[in-house]
Amino acid sequence: MDTIREWWGAIMAATGLGVWLIRLEGASKTALREVERLEKQLDADRQAISETRKEQNEMLREMRADIKRLLERSGPARD
């Protein structure tokens, strides 16, 4: 019984350290899951932006072609 009293502080410190390490592991797993979720969201956002950019480029091509046709209809430029 005297041995337990002598080592009580060390036993409690070791137990506290074990609990802290378990909580730290849980927090790191949660953080890793959040990072993975954010990476997936970022990939989806990049894909959406890429598609939007392609649509905008196509619309600009059409607008350029329309402007070119309108300028051709108006005849030669006057000085």
PDB file of N, CA and C in Angstrom:
ATOM      1  N   MET A   1       0.819  -1.191   0.000  1.00  0.00           N
ATOM      2  CA  MET A   1       0.000   0.000   0.000  1.00  0.00           C
ATOM      3  C   MET A   1       0.861   1.252   0.000  1.00  0.00           C
ATOM      4  N   ASP A   2       1.992   1.191   0.698  1.00  0.00           N
ATOM      5  CA  ASP A   2       2.892   2.335   0.731  1.00  0.00           C
ATOM      6  C   ASP A   2       3.496   2.592  -0.651  1.00  0.00           C
ATOM      7  N   THR A   3       3.715   1.530  -1.436  1.00  0.00           N
ATOM      8  CA  THR A   3       4.282   1.682  -2.781  1.00  0.00           C
ATOM      9  C   THR A   3       3.318   2.459  -3.665  1.00  0.00           C
ATOM     10  N   ILE A   4       2.033   2.151  -3.550  1.00  0.00           N
ATOM     11  CA  ILE A   4       1.033   2.866  -4.349  1.00  0.00           C
ATOM     12  C   ILE A   4       1.020   4.344  -3.965  1.00  0.00           C
ATOM     13  N   ARG A   5       1.112   4.625  -2.678  1.00  0.00           N
ATOM     14  CA  ARG A   5       1.122   6.022  -2.236  1.00  0.00           C
ATOM     15  C   ARG A   5       2.350   6.757  -2.763  1.00  0.00           C
ATOM     16  N   GLU A   6       3.492   6.070  -2.801  1.00  0.00           N
ATOM     17  CA  GLU A   6       4.723   6.690  -3.292  1.00  0.00           C
ATOM     18  C   GLU A   6       4.630   6.992  -4.789  1.00  0.00           C
ATOM     19  N   TRP A   7       4.037   6.104  -5.528  1.00  0.00           N
ATOM     20  CA  TRP A   7       3.989   6.218  -6.990  1.00  0.00           C
ATOM     21  C   TRP A   7       2.662   6.789  -7.491  1.00  0.00           C
ATOM     22  N   TRP A   8       1.793   7.208  -6.588  1.00  0.00           N
ATOM     23  CA  TRP A   8       0.464   7.701  -6.980  1.00  0.00           C
ATOM     24  C   TRP A   8       0.553   8.855  -7.980  1.00  0.00           C
ATOM     25  N   GLY A   9       1.417   9.803  -7.766  1.00  0.00           N
ATOM     26  CA  GLY A   9       1.582  10.938  -8.667  1.00  0.00           C
ATOM     27  C   GLY A   9       2.041  10.495 -10.048  1.00  0.00           C
ATOM     28  N   ALA A  10       2.993   9.575 -10.086  1.00  0.00           N
ATOM     29  CA  ALA A  10       3.499   9.088 -11.371  1.00  0.00           C
ATOM     30  C   ALA A  10       2.422   8.280 -12.098  1.00  0.00           C
ATOM     31  N   ILE A  11       1.672   7.486 -11.348  1.00  0.00           N
ATOM     32  CA  ILE A  11       0.588   6.685 -11.953  1.00  0.00           C
ATOM     33  C   ILE A  11      -0.465   7.610 -12.542  1.00  0.00           C
ATOM     34  N   MET A  12      -0.854   8.643 -11.825  1.00  0.00           N
ATOM     35  CA  MET A  12      -1.866   9.582 -12.317  1.00  0.00           C
ATOM     36  C   MET A  12      -1.333  10.375 -13.519  1.00  0.00           C
ATOM     37  N   ALA A  13      -0.046  10.740 -13.492  1.00  0.00           N
ATOM     38  CA  ALA A  13       0.544  11.462 -14.619  1.00  0.00           C
ATOM     39  C   ALA A  13       0.553  10.579 -15.862  1.00  0.00           C
ATOM     40  N   ALA A  14       0.914   9.312 -15.693  1.00  0.00           N
ATOM     41  CA  ALA A  14       0.931   8.383 -16.826  1.00  0.00           C
ATOM     42  C   ALA A  14      -0.483   8.172 -17.364  1.00  0.00           C
ATOM     43  N   THR A  15      -1.461   8.051 -16.478  1.00  0.00           N
ATOM     44  CA  THR A  15      -2.853   7.890 -16.898  1.00  0.00           C
ATOM     45  C   THR A  15      -3.327   9.135 -17.640  1.00  0.00           C
ATOM     46  N   GLY A  16      -3.005  10.297 -17.108  1.00  0.00           N
ATOM     47  CA  GLY A  16      -3.376  11.549 -17.772  1.00  0.00           C
ATOM     48  C   GLY A  16      -2.737  11.663 -19.140  1.00  0.00           C
ATOM     49  N   LEU A  17      -1.477  11.282 -19.237  1.00  0.00           N
ATOM     50  CA  LEU A  17      -0.782  11.310 -20.524  1.00  0.00           C
ATOM     51  C   LEU A  17      -1.456  10.371 -21.524  1.00  0.00           C
ATOM     52  N   GLY A  18      -1.844   9.185 -21.058  1.00  0.00           N
ATOM     53  CA  GLY A  18      -2.536   8.234 -21.944  1.00  0.00           C
ATOM     54  C   GLY A  18      -3.853   8.793 -22.459  1.00  0.00           C
ATOM     55  N   VAL A  19      -4.625   9.392 -21.569  1.00  0.00           N
ATOM     56  CA  VAL A  19      -5.908   9.981 -21.971  1.00  0.00           C
ATOM     57  C   VAL A  19      -5.676  11.118 -22.960  1.00  0.00           C
ATOM     58  N   TRP A  20      -4.668  11.953 -22.675  1.00  0.00           N
ATOM     59  CA  TRP A  20      -4.354  13.073 -23.561  1.00  0.00           C
ATOM     60  C   TRP A  20      -3.950  12.576 -24.957  1.00  0.00           C
ATOM     61  N   LEU A  21      -3.142  11.513 -25.011  1.00  0.00           N
ATOM     62  CA  LEU A  21      -2.713  10.958 -26.296  1.00  0.00           C
ATOM     63  C   LEU A  21      -3.895  10.394 -27.084  1.00  0.00           C
ATOM     64  N   ILE A  22      -4.829   9.759 -26.405  1.00  0.00           N
ATOM     65  CA  ILE A  22      -6.013   9.221 -27.077  1.00  0.00           C
ATOM     66  C   ILE A  22      -6.858  10.357 -27.642  1.00  0.00           C
ATOM     67  N   ARG A  23      -7.039  11.406 -26.870  1.00  0.00           N
ATOM     68  CA  ARG A  23      -7.798  12.570 -27.356  1.00  0.00           C
ATOM     69  C   ARG A  23      -7.094  13.244 -28.516  1.00  0.00           C
ATOM     70  N   LEU A  24      -5.753  13.323 -28.445  1.00  0.00           N
ATOM     71  CA  LEU A  24      -4.969  13.922 -29.529  1.00  0.00           C
ATOM     72  C   LEU A  24      -5.134  13.117 -30.813  1.00  0.00           C
ATOM     73  N   GLU A  25      -5.131  11.800 -30.700  1.00  0.00           N
ATOM     74  CA  GLU A  25      -5.324  10.951 -31.873  1.00  0.00           C
ATOM     75  C   GLU A  25      -6.703  11.185 -32.484  1.00  0.00           C
ATOM     76  N   GLY A  26      -7.715  11.279 -31.644  1.00  0.00           N
ATOM     77  CA  GLY A  26      -9.067  11.544 -32.137  1.00  0.00           C
ATOM     78  C   GLY A  26      -9.160  12.882 -32.833  1.00  0.00           C
ATOM     79  N   ALA A  27      -8.519  13.895 -32.264  1.00  0.00           N
ATOM     80  CA  ALA A  27      -8.541  15.225 -32.875  1.00  0.00           C
ATOM     81  C   ALA A  27      -7.809  15.214 -34.211  1.00  0.00           C
ATOM     82  N   SER A  28      -6.706  14.496 -34.298  1.00  0.00           N
ATOM     83  CA  SER A  28      -5.963  14.459 -35.557  1.00  0.00           C
ATOM     84  C   SER A  28      -6.752  13.712 -36.630  1.00  0.00           C
ATOM     85  N   LYS A  29      -7.465  12.663 -36.258  1.00  0.00           N
ATOM     86  CA  LYS A  29      -8.300  11.951 -37.229  1.00  0.00           C
ATOM     87  C   LYS A  29      -9.426  12.848 -37.734  1.00  0.00           C
ATOM     88  N   THR A  30     -10.015  13.609 -36.818  1.00  0.00           N
ATOM     89  CA  THR A  30     -11.073  14.543 -37.212  1.00  0.00           C
ATOM     90  C   THR A  30     -10.526  15.597 -38.158  1.00  0.00           C
ATOM     91  N   ALA A  31      -9.348  16.113 -37.863  1.00  0.00           N
ATOM     92  CA  ALA A  31      -8.735  17.126 -38.723  1.00  0.00           C
ATOM     93  C   ALA A  31      -8.418  16.541 -40.099  1.00  0.00           C
ATOM     94  N   LEU A  32      -7.936  15.316 -40.155  1.00  0.00           N
ATOM     95  CA  LEU A  32      -7.632  14.686 -41.444  1.00  0.00           C
ATOM     96  C   LEU A  32      -8.893  14.488 -42.275  1.00  0.00           C
ATOM     97  N   ARG A  33      -9.981  14.103 -41.626  1.00  0.00           N
ATOM     98  CA  ARG A  33     -11.250  13.954 -42.354  1.00  0.00           C
ATOM     99  C   ARG A  33     -11.711  15.296 -42.909  1.00  0.00           C
ATOM    100  N   GLU A  34     -11.538  16.355 -42.131  1.00  0.00           N
ATOM    101  CA  GLU A  34     -11.927  17.691 -42.580  1.00  0.00           C
ATOM    102  C   GLU A  34     -11.060  18.133 -43.760  1.00  0.00           C
ATOM    103  N   VAL A  35      -9.774  17.845 -43.700  1.00  0.00           N
ATOM    104  CA  VAL A  35      -8.874  18.188 -44.806  1.00  0.00           C
ATOM    105  C   VAL A  35      -9.288  17.436 -46.065  1.00  0.00           C
ATOM    106  N   GLU A  36      -9.601  16.159 -45.953  1.00  0.00           N
ATOM    107  CA  GLU A  36     -10.046  15.375 -47.106  1.00  0.00           C
ATOM    108  C   GLU A  36     -11.338  15.952 -47.689  1.00  0.00           C
ATOM    109  N   ARG A  37     -12.263  16.340 -46.817  1.00  0.00           N
ATOM    110  CA  ARG A  37     -13.522  16.924 -47.283  1.00  0.00           C
ATOM    111  C   ARG A  37     -13.267  18.231 -48.027  1.00  0.00           C
ATOM    112  N   LEU A  38     -12.388  19.050 -47.486  1.00  0.00           N
ATOM    113  CA  LEU A  38     -12.073  20.323 -48.129  1.00  0.00           C
ATOM    114  C   LEU A  38     -11.364  20.116 -49.469  1.00  0.00           C
ATOM    115  N   GLU A  39     -10.508  19.101 -49.544  1.00  0.00           N
ATOM    116  CA  GLU A  39      -9.840  18.808 -50.817  1.00  0.00           C
ATOM    117  C   GLU A  39     -10.850  18.368 -51.873  1.00  0.00           C
ATOM    118  N   LYS A  40     -11.811  17.545 -51.478  1.00  0.00           N
ATOM    119  CA  LYS A  40     -12.847  17.123 -52.422  1.00  0.00           C
ATOM    120  C   LYS A  40     -13.684  18.312 -52.874  1.00  0.00           C
ATOM    121  N   GLN A  41     -14.015  19.191 -51.940  1.00  0.00           N
ATOM    122  CA  GLN A  41     -14.793  20.388 -52.273  1.00  0.00           C
ATOM    123  C   GLN A  41     -13.997  21.294 -53.214  1.00  0.00           C
ATOM    124  N   LEU A  42     -12.701  21.427 -52.957  1.00  0.00           N
ATOM    125  CA  LEU A  42     -11.846  22.245 -53.814  1.00  0.00           C
ATOM    126  C   LEU A  42     -11.786  21.667 -55.224  1.00  0.00           C
ATOM    127  N   ASP A  43     -11.660  20.348 -55.332  1.00  0.00           N
ATOM    128  CA  ASP A  43     -11.652  19.706 -56.650  1.00  0.00           C
ATOM    129  C   ASP A  43     -12.963  19.943 -57.386  1.00  0.00           C
ATOM    130  N   ALA A  44     -14.070  19.832 -56.666  1.00  0.00           N
ATOM    131  CA  ALA A  44     -15.380  20.075 -57.286  1.00  0.00           C
ATOM    132  C   ALA A  44     -15.502  21.528 -57.730  1.00  0.00           C
ATOM    133  N   ASP A  45     -15.014  22.457 -56.911  1.00  0.00           N
ATOM    134  CA  ASP A  45     -15.052  23.876 -57.272  1.00  0.00           C
ATOM    135  C   ASP A  45     -14.196  24.150 -58.500  1.00  0.00           C
ATOM    136  N   ARG A  46     -13.021  23.533 -58.549  1.00  0.00           N
ATOM    137  CA  ARG A  46     -12.152  23.710 -59.715  1.00  0.00           C
ATOM    138  C   ARG A  46     -12.816  23.184 -60.978  1.00  0.00           C
ATOM    139  N   GLN A  47     -13.471  22.041 -60.868  1.00  0.00           N
ATOM    140  CA  GLN A  47     -14.165  21.466 -62.018  1.00  0.00           C
ATOM    141  C   GLN A  47     -15.287  22.390 -62.484  1.00  0.00           C
ATOM    142  N   ALA A  48     -16.050  22.919 -61.548  1.00  0.00           N
ATOM    143  CA  ALA A  48     -17.150  23.826 -61.895  1.00  0.00           C
ATOM    144  C   ALA A  48     -16.618  25.097 -62.555  1.00  0.00           C
ATOM    145  N   ILE A  49     -15.527  25.627 -62.028  1.00  0.00           N
ATOM    146  CA  ILE A  49     -14.937  26.832 -62.609  1.00  0.00           C
ATOM    147  C   ILE A  49     -14.435  26.550 -64.015  1.00  0.00           C
ATOM    148  N   SER A  50     -13.838  25.389 -64.209  1.00  0.00           N
ATOM    149  CA  SER A  50     -13.342  25.024 -65.536  1.00  0.00           C
ATOM    150  C   SER A  50     -14.489  24.948 -66.544  1.00  0.00           C
ATOM    151  N   GLU A  51     -15.594  24.334 -66.136  1.00  0.00           N
ATOM    152  CA  GLU A  51     -16.752  24.230 -67.031  1.00  0.00           C
ATOM    153  C   GLU A  51     -17.331  25.615 -67.333  1.00  0.00           C
ATOM    154  N   THR A  52     -17.413  26.450 -66.318  1.00  0.00           N
ATOM    155  CA  THR A  52     -17.926  27.804 -66.509  1.00  0.00           C
ATOM    156  C   THR A  52     -17.027  28.588 -67.465  1.00  0.00           C
ATOM    157  N   ARG A  53     -15.723  28.438 -67.294  1.00  0.00           N
ATOM    158  CA  ARG A  53     -14.776  29.137 -68.161  1.00  0.00           C
ATOM    159  C   ARG A  53     -14.931  28.670 -69.614  1.00  0.00           C
ATOM    160  N   LYS A  54     -15.137  27.378 -69.812  1.00  0.00           N
ATOM    161  CA  LYS A  54     -15.343  26.867 -71.173  1.00  0.00           C
ATOM    162  C   LYS A  54     -16.614  27.461 -71.787  1.00  0.00           C
ATOM    163  N   GLU A  55     -17.678  27.528 -70.997  1.00  0.00           N
ATOM    164  CA  GLU A  55     -18.932  28.115 -71.490  1.00  0.00           C
ATOM    165  C   GLU A  55     -18.740  29.593 -71.843  1.00  0.00           C
ATOM    166  N   GLN A  56     -18.028  30.319 -71.000  1.00  0.00           N
ATOM    167  CA  GLN A  56     -17.785  31.731 -71.266  1.00  0.00           C
ATOM    168  C   GLN A  56     -16.940  31.923 -72.519  1.00  0.00           C
ATOM    169  N   ASN A  57     -15.944  31.086 -72.704  1.00  0.00           N
ATOM    170  CA  ASN A  57     -15.106  31.181 -73.906  1.00  0.00           C
ATOM    171  C   ASN A  57     -15.925  30.908 -75.161  1.00  0.00           C
ATOM    172  N   GLU A  58     -16.804  29.934 -75.086  1.00  0.00           N
ATOM    173  CA  GLU A  58     -17.658  29.639 -76.242  1.00  0.00           C
ATOM    174  C   GLU A  58     -18.585  30.816 -76.543  1.00  0.00           C
ATOM    175  N   MET A  59     -19.153  31.415 -75.518  1.00  0.00           N
ATOM    176  CA  MET A  59     -20.028  32.570 -75.703  1.00  0.00           C
ATOM    177  C   MET A  59     -19.249  33.740 -76.311  1.00  0.00           C
ATOM    178  N   LEU A  60     -18.022  33.943 -75.855  1.00  0.00           N
ATOM    179  CA  LEU A  60     -17.198  35.020 -76.419  1.00  0.00           C
ATOM    180  C   LEU A  60     -16.862  34.756 -77.881  1.00  0.00           C
ATOM    181  N   ARG A  61     -16.606  33.504 -78.239  1.00  0.00           N
ATOM    182  CA  ARG A  61     -16.355  33.165 -79.643  1.00  0.00           C
ATOM    183  C   ARG A  61     -17.563  33.507 -80.503  1.00  0.00           C
ATOM    184  N   GLU A  62     -18.742  33.155 -79.993  1.00  0.00           N
ATOM    185  CA  GLU A  62     -19.971  33.461 -80.735  1.00  0.00           C
ATOM    186  C   GLU A  62     -20.154  34.970 -80.877  1.00  0.00           C
ATOM    187  N   MET A  63     -19.875  35.714 -79.807  1.00  0.00           N
ATOM    188  CA  MET A  63     -20.022  37.166 -79.861  1.00  0.00           C
ATOM    189  C   MET A  63     -19.036  37.769 -80.865  1.00  0.00           C
ATOM    190  N   ARG A  64     -17.808  37.279 -80.870  1.00  0.00           N
ATOM    191  CA  ARG A  64     -16.823  37.779 -81.830  1.00  0.00           C
ATOM    192  C   ARG A  64     -17.270  37.516 -83.266  1.00  0.00           C
ATOM    193  N   ALA A  65     -17.795  36.303 -83.488  1.00  0.00           N
ATOM    194  CA  ALA A  65     -18.266  35.960 -84.831  1.00  0.00           C
ATOM    195  C   ALA A  65     -19.432  36.863 -85.227  1.00  0.00           C
ATOM    196  N   ASP A  66     -20.347  37.117 -84.309  1.00  0.00           N
ATOM    197  CA  ASP A  66     -21.484  38.001 -84.599  1.00  0.00           C
ATOM    198  C   ASP A  66     -21.015  39.419 -84.903  1.00  0.00           C
ATOM    199  N   ILE A  67     -20.084  39.925 -84.131  1.00  0.00           N
ATOM    200  CA  ILE A  67     -19.568  41.279 -84.362  1.00  0.00           C
ATOM    201  C   ILE A  67     -18.875  41.343 -85.717  1.00  0.00           C
ATOM    202  N   LYS A  68     -18.115  40.307 -86.021  1.00  0.00           N
ATOM    203  CA  LYS A  68     -17.423  40.277 -87.308  1.00  0.00           C
ATOM    204  C   LYS A  68     -18.428  40.307 -88.462  1.00  0.00           C
ATOM    205  N   ARG A  69     -19.502  39.512 -88.346  1.00  0.00           N
ATOM    206  CA  ARG A  69     -20.538  39.501 -89.380  1.00  0.00           C
ATOM    207  C   ARG A  69     -21.209  40.865 -89.514  1.00  0.00           C
ATOM    208  N   LEU A  70     -21.498  41.507 -88.385  1.00  0.00           N
ATOM    209  CA  LEU A  70     -22.114  42.832 -88.419  1.00  0.00           C
ATOM    210  C   LEU A  70     -21.198  43.859 -89.083  1.00  0.00           C
ATOM    211  N   LEU A  71     -19.933  43.780 -88.785  1.00  0.00           N
ATOM    212  CA  LEU A  71     -18.985  44.710 -89.405  1.00  0.00           C
ATOM    213  C   LEU A  71     -18.865  44.457 -90.907  1.00  0.00           C
ATOM    214  N   GLU A  72     -18.927  43.201 -91.298  1.00  0.00           N
ATOM    215  CA  GLU A  72     -18.855  42.880 -92.729  1.00  0.00           C
ATOM    216  C   GLU A  72     -20.096  43.386 -93.457  1.00  0.00           C
ATOM    217  N   ARG A  73     -21.246  43.338 -92.816  1.00  0.00           N
ATOM    218  CA  ARG A  73     -22.504  43.808 -93.424  1.00  0.00           C
ATOM    219  C   ARG A  73     -22.504  45.326 -93.624  1.00  0.00           C
ATOM    220  N   SER A  74     -21.864  46.000 -92.689  1.00  0.00           N
ATOM    221  CA  SER A  74     -21.902  47.464 -92.751  1.00  0.00           C
ATOM    222  C   SER A  74     -21.073  48.000 -93.902  1.00  0.00           C
ATOM    223  N   GLY A  75     -20.301  47.170 -94.538  1.00  0.00           N
ATOM    224  CA  GLY A  75     -19.533  47.614 -95.692  1.00  0.00           C
ATOM    225  C   GLY A  75     -18.152  48.066 -95.322  1.00  0.00           C
ATOM    226  N   PRO A  76     -17.424  48.560 -96.310  1.00  0.00           N
ATOM    227  CA  PRO A  76     -16.040  48.979 -96.047  1.00  0.00           C
ATOM    228  C   PRO A  76     -16.009  50.182 -95.109  1.00  0.00           C
ATOM    229  N   ALA A  77     -14.934  50.262 -94.391  1.00  0.00           N
ATOM    230  CA  ALA A  77     -14.770  51.384 -93.448  1.00  0.00           C
ATOM    231  C   ALA A  77     -14.537  52.670 -94.207  1.00  0.00           C
ATOM    232  N   ARG A  78     -15.156  53.757 -93.731  1.00  0.00           N
ATOM    233  CA  ARG A  78     -15.004  55.074 -94.370  1.00  0.00           C
ATOM    234  C   ARG A  78     -13.924  55.866 -93.630  1.00  0.00           C
ATOM    235  N   ASP A  79     -13.139  56.581 -94.395  1.00  0.00           N
ATOM    236  CA  ASP A  79     -12.083  57.390 -93.801  1.00  0.00           C
ATOM    237  C   ASP A  79     -12.528  58.784 -93.537  1.00  0.00           C
TER     238      ASP A  79
END
